[in-house]
Every structure is written in C-alpha cells, then in structure tokens.
Amino acid sequence: MALLHIKNLSILKANKPLISKSSFSVLEGESVGLYGRSGSGKSVFSLFLLGLLNTDVFSVSADSAVFSDDNRVFNLLSKKEKEWDFFRQNSISMVFQDPSVALNPTITCGKQVEECLFGVVEKKRNCIKLFREVGLTNLEKTYSAFPHELSGGQKQRVVIAIALASKPKLLIADEPTTSLDPSIQKSVLDLILKIKKTRSIGVLLISHDLALVRYFCDKIYVFKNHNFYESSLSIAKKHLLKKETIYANIRDRVFEKDQVDNLDGFLFKNINKNKKLFSFNNISVSFLKNKRVFYALKNISFKICFGDCIGVVGGSGSGKTTLGRVLCGLEKNYIGDFDFPQTNDFLKKSVQMVYQDPFSSFNPKYTVENSLKEIINLYKTDVNLDRLVRAVGLNPKFLSRFPHELSGGQKQRVSIARVLASNPSVIVFDESLSALDIETQHSLLKLIKLININFNISIIFISHNINSVYYLCNKIVVLKSGSVDDFFISNNLFSKNRSDYTKEIIKNSLFI
C-alpha cells in the first residue's frame, strides 16, 4: 500500500526552481532514502511534507500529492491549517539533525515527551514505555534529566521517542546521525530500522551520506539538478560526481596546481620535519562533577613533529575536543608536562583552530573581506586577500559576501582562510567537516592535505570519521575514555596489532 504518493511536484522560491516536476513514493513499512549534496533542497522537501513551507516565500504545485493512512486520505496541497494540524498530530513525525537544538534545554526530557502524548491519561507510564522502546537505560533518571545531562546518542533517542509519541505512520529522519560518532550512528540507525519493522511504519531518511543511505534503505532517490531519480545503489552512483563516490582511489588524487601557486608566498614552510614541535607527557585534565572527579584526559603521552598530520579519533566523550583545547592554549587546567616552543605567546599566535560550526565563527555583520582583515590586522601579517581566498578554492568575488550568503563548504573554506591569515605553525581541525556532504568533505580534505604537505604546517585533525583520518593523516591517535588506547602510523591501520577498540571503530565505520 502506498503511504505517500507524489507526482510531478515543483517548488519554487523567488521564481527559481528548487524541485522541478519530481515524483516520489513511500510504501507502508518501507525505508526510503533521499540522497543529495548539502544545500540541494532536501530539507525543503521535508518541510513540504510537514506543511511548514512559508507560502509567501515558496510556490508549490503538483499533479497529485496524497498521503493515505487507515482509510484516511490527506491532500498535501491543502491550505487548511486545521487539516494540517490533525495530519501532523496523527500521521507524520520528524527526527531532526541536532538533538541539542531540537530539545528545550529548560524542560526535563520526560515532560517533553509527555507534551506529545495527546489524549493519554497515564503520561509518565507511557513515556517510560517509549524510553524503553528506543533503548534508553536508567529510565527514571532519564525521565527527570535535562538535555544537557545526556550524551549525544541519548538525546537523539529522546528525540526519536518524541517523534514516536504520536504513533505516526511516516517517520522522517533528516540527517539524524550527522553529529554522532560511527558506533552511535549505527546503533541509532539500527534502532529506527527495528521500530520500522515492529510498528510497520514508513521511514524517509534524508542524508548527504551515501554510505548511511546504502546501509539503511530499501529504495533510494538521488536528488540532483532539482529532480528526484529513483535508483538502486549501483545506478545511484552514476548520478553522482566521480569524486563523491566513497573516496574511490582517494590516495591517487592530485592537487590543483593553481591552488599551490596561490598558497606559495605567505605560509610557514621549509622546516625540518623531524624536529619536535610539541610533546605531551602524562597530561591529565579533570573536572568536578556531582562531587566526583571526572577525567576528560588521563595520562596522555605522545609527540608531534613539524609538518606532522596527526588524526585524533574516538567516540563521543573520549576527550578529543579537550585535547584540542589544550593544544590551542584554551584549556590550562591540566597537570603533566606540555612541552612546546617557548617563544612569546606561541600557542596564541601560532596554533589556530577550525571549529565544527563555521557559521558561529563569524560576525554575521562582517563581510568575508572584513572578517579576513580583522585577522590580518590582529596578527599584523602581510597577506594579499585575493591570493588568500583563491588559495582556499574561492573566487575573490566572495570577499563582498556575508556569512549567510555562503554554503556550508564555502563558510568552512573562509574559516580556513581566516586561520591561514594568521600565518600559523599548527592548525587544529575539531570535527570541522562532519556536517558537510561527501563531495565537499573530499574537496576540503584535499585542501588540508595540500597545506600540510607543501608548506609543512602541522595539522591536528580531530574526527570521529576514521576514513577521513586514514586518508589525511600520517599518524593516528585513538582516544578512549580520556586515555590513549592506540597510537600508530596510518599505513598500519589494518595491522593485527591494533587494539580491540580501534578494530571496533573500523568495524563500525560504514565507509571502509
């Protein structure tokens, strides 16, 4: 039975097509993937399904757009708000990308689930039942907990419980695992698949990650050039750019010569790669939590040489970000020996960080040019702006743009340009690519490797994606519960001598 059937859907914004005469269907009990690049319009489609598109901004038309549920038929082109309220309350739900944003930080998790239990008398009992269904433990504690007291995976399970509270027939999962490490990604996807089977509901997975779509879905739609293409996985790959297909032959790729030429002239280069830059000797960082000492890092020891590209991997809460903050001089509450060049303000001037969310790194009132000039003036470096933006793969015309006018990948390139403008010795990337589609990730990985190889800028690449780390880095540090679980040359990733935890990370990676 067709749960959702759409024929020749078109959505325009300011007379520009976002979706053009596309057809789409979901059967009852079917998991369907909608794959496309970041910014392609996938989320616009999900907002259409929920009736949340602003009709003053978007123009919608279709030959038919029908949702069939228990002998009830709903027209998705309806403009009656009461009909939409009933539809959203009874037939459709959504799991959002970032659970930290989806949850209200001032209300306990249990009460947030209860808000969606319409017409239920014993709300707490039903809430606990939902928590059990989504695989949460310590049910009473979770019921009374605020979102900030839970891990990323636990928060996403609470969001799924909220989505299931209304007993929907179609569950939309919009990038539901982007901010989670691979092991938690897999467990969340397995949970949704289990719920799909036990409840016999349809699931629409919207993702820029082809590997997740491949793992999860019965049917795939590729969203490209404003159209949906129904495909098997093998056919789906033909709709994609070659460099987008799971990092195929990634080590054989070459860098663009014009980027090398543009980078030349202002970066730190020609240094001895065997010379020690940093060393950690028994570094520990602890915090007081509920009157107990919690170790974010415990007895960390390794060294970094000039020109090294070191990957730091591990699950959520393993201490990756804390390690990056120590390197940047942002976390000074540590014990142990942190040995680095004792020049004036070395950590402040020569170690820079590129953050996960590029938008929060910018002043929204500054153009790209003003943002770059701010760094140049602060560090008193002599950098040509045109050459700088070209070096990170952007046209100088972007200098006049504001952050909201840039895509995610473009914003991250400007973030890298801001870092390069300070003439650094070390760049720390803290989950900087996790929210981007594979093609954009790959192009930025090439840029990072270009900077590292040609100009000996040391790179610390913090990520939960072992595939990106394996491609980019010459050494890999694996953190587990704040301690170094494994440390090895990247070429030895598949050695039988790897720790059990490293093997688990490899196993949970959907790319390898």
Foldseek 3Di string as FASTA:
>chain_A
DWQKWFFQKWKDFPNHTLAGGAIDTWRFLFEEEEAEFFPSCLVVVVCLVLVNDDVVGMDIDGPFIWGDDPNDIDGSVDPDVVSSVVCQLAAEFEQEAFLVVVFDQVDALLVLLLVSQPPDDPSSVVSLVLCVLLPHPPSVCSNRHGPVVDFRLSSSSSSVSSRPNSVHQEYEYENHPLVFFLVSLVSNLVSVSVCSVVSRHYYYYYDLELLSSLVRGPWYWYRDPSYTDTDDSVVNVVVDDPCQPLCVVVLPDDDDPLLVVLPPDFAAADDDQVAWAKWFAQKWAWDQDPNDIAILAGGATDTHGFLFAEEEAEGPSLNLVVVLCVQLVNDPRIDGDMDHDPDPPQSPQAEEEQEQQLVVVDDQVAQLLRLLVVLCVVLVGDDDQQSLLVSLPDHPVSRRHGPVVDGLLSSSSSSVSSVVSSNHQEYEYANRPSVGRRSSLSSNLSSVQSCSVGGRRYYYYYHSAVVSRLSRGQKYFYGGSNYGQDIGGSVCLPPPPHDPVSVVSVVSHSSD
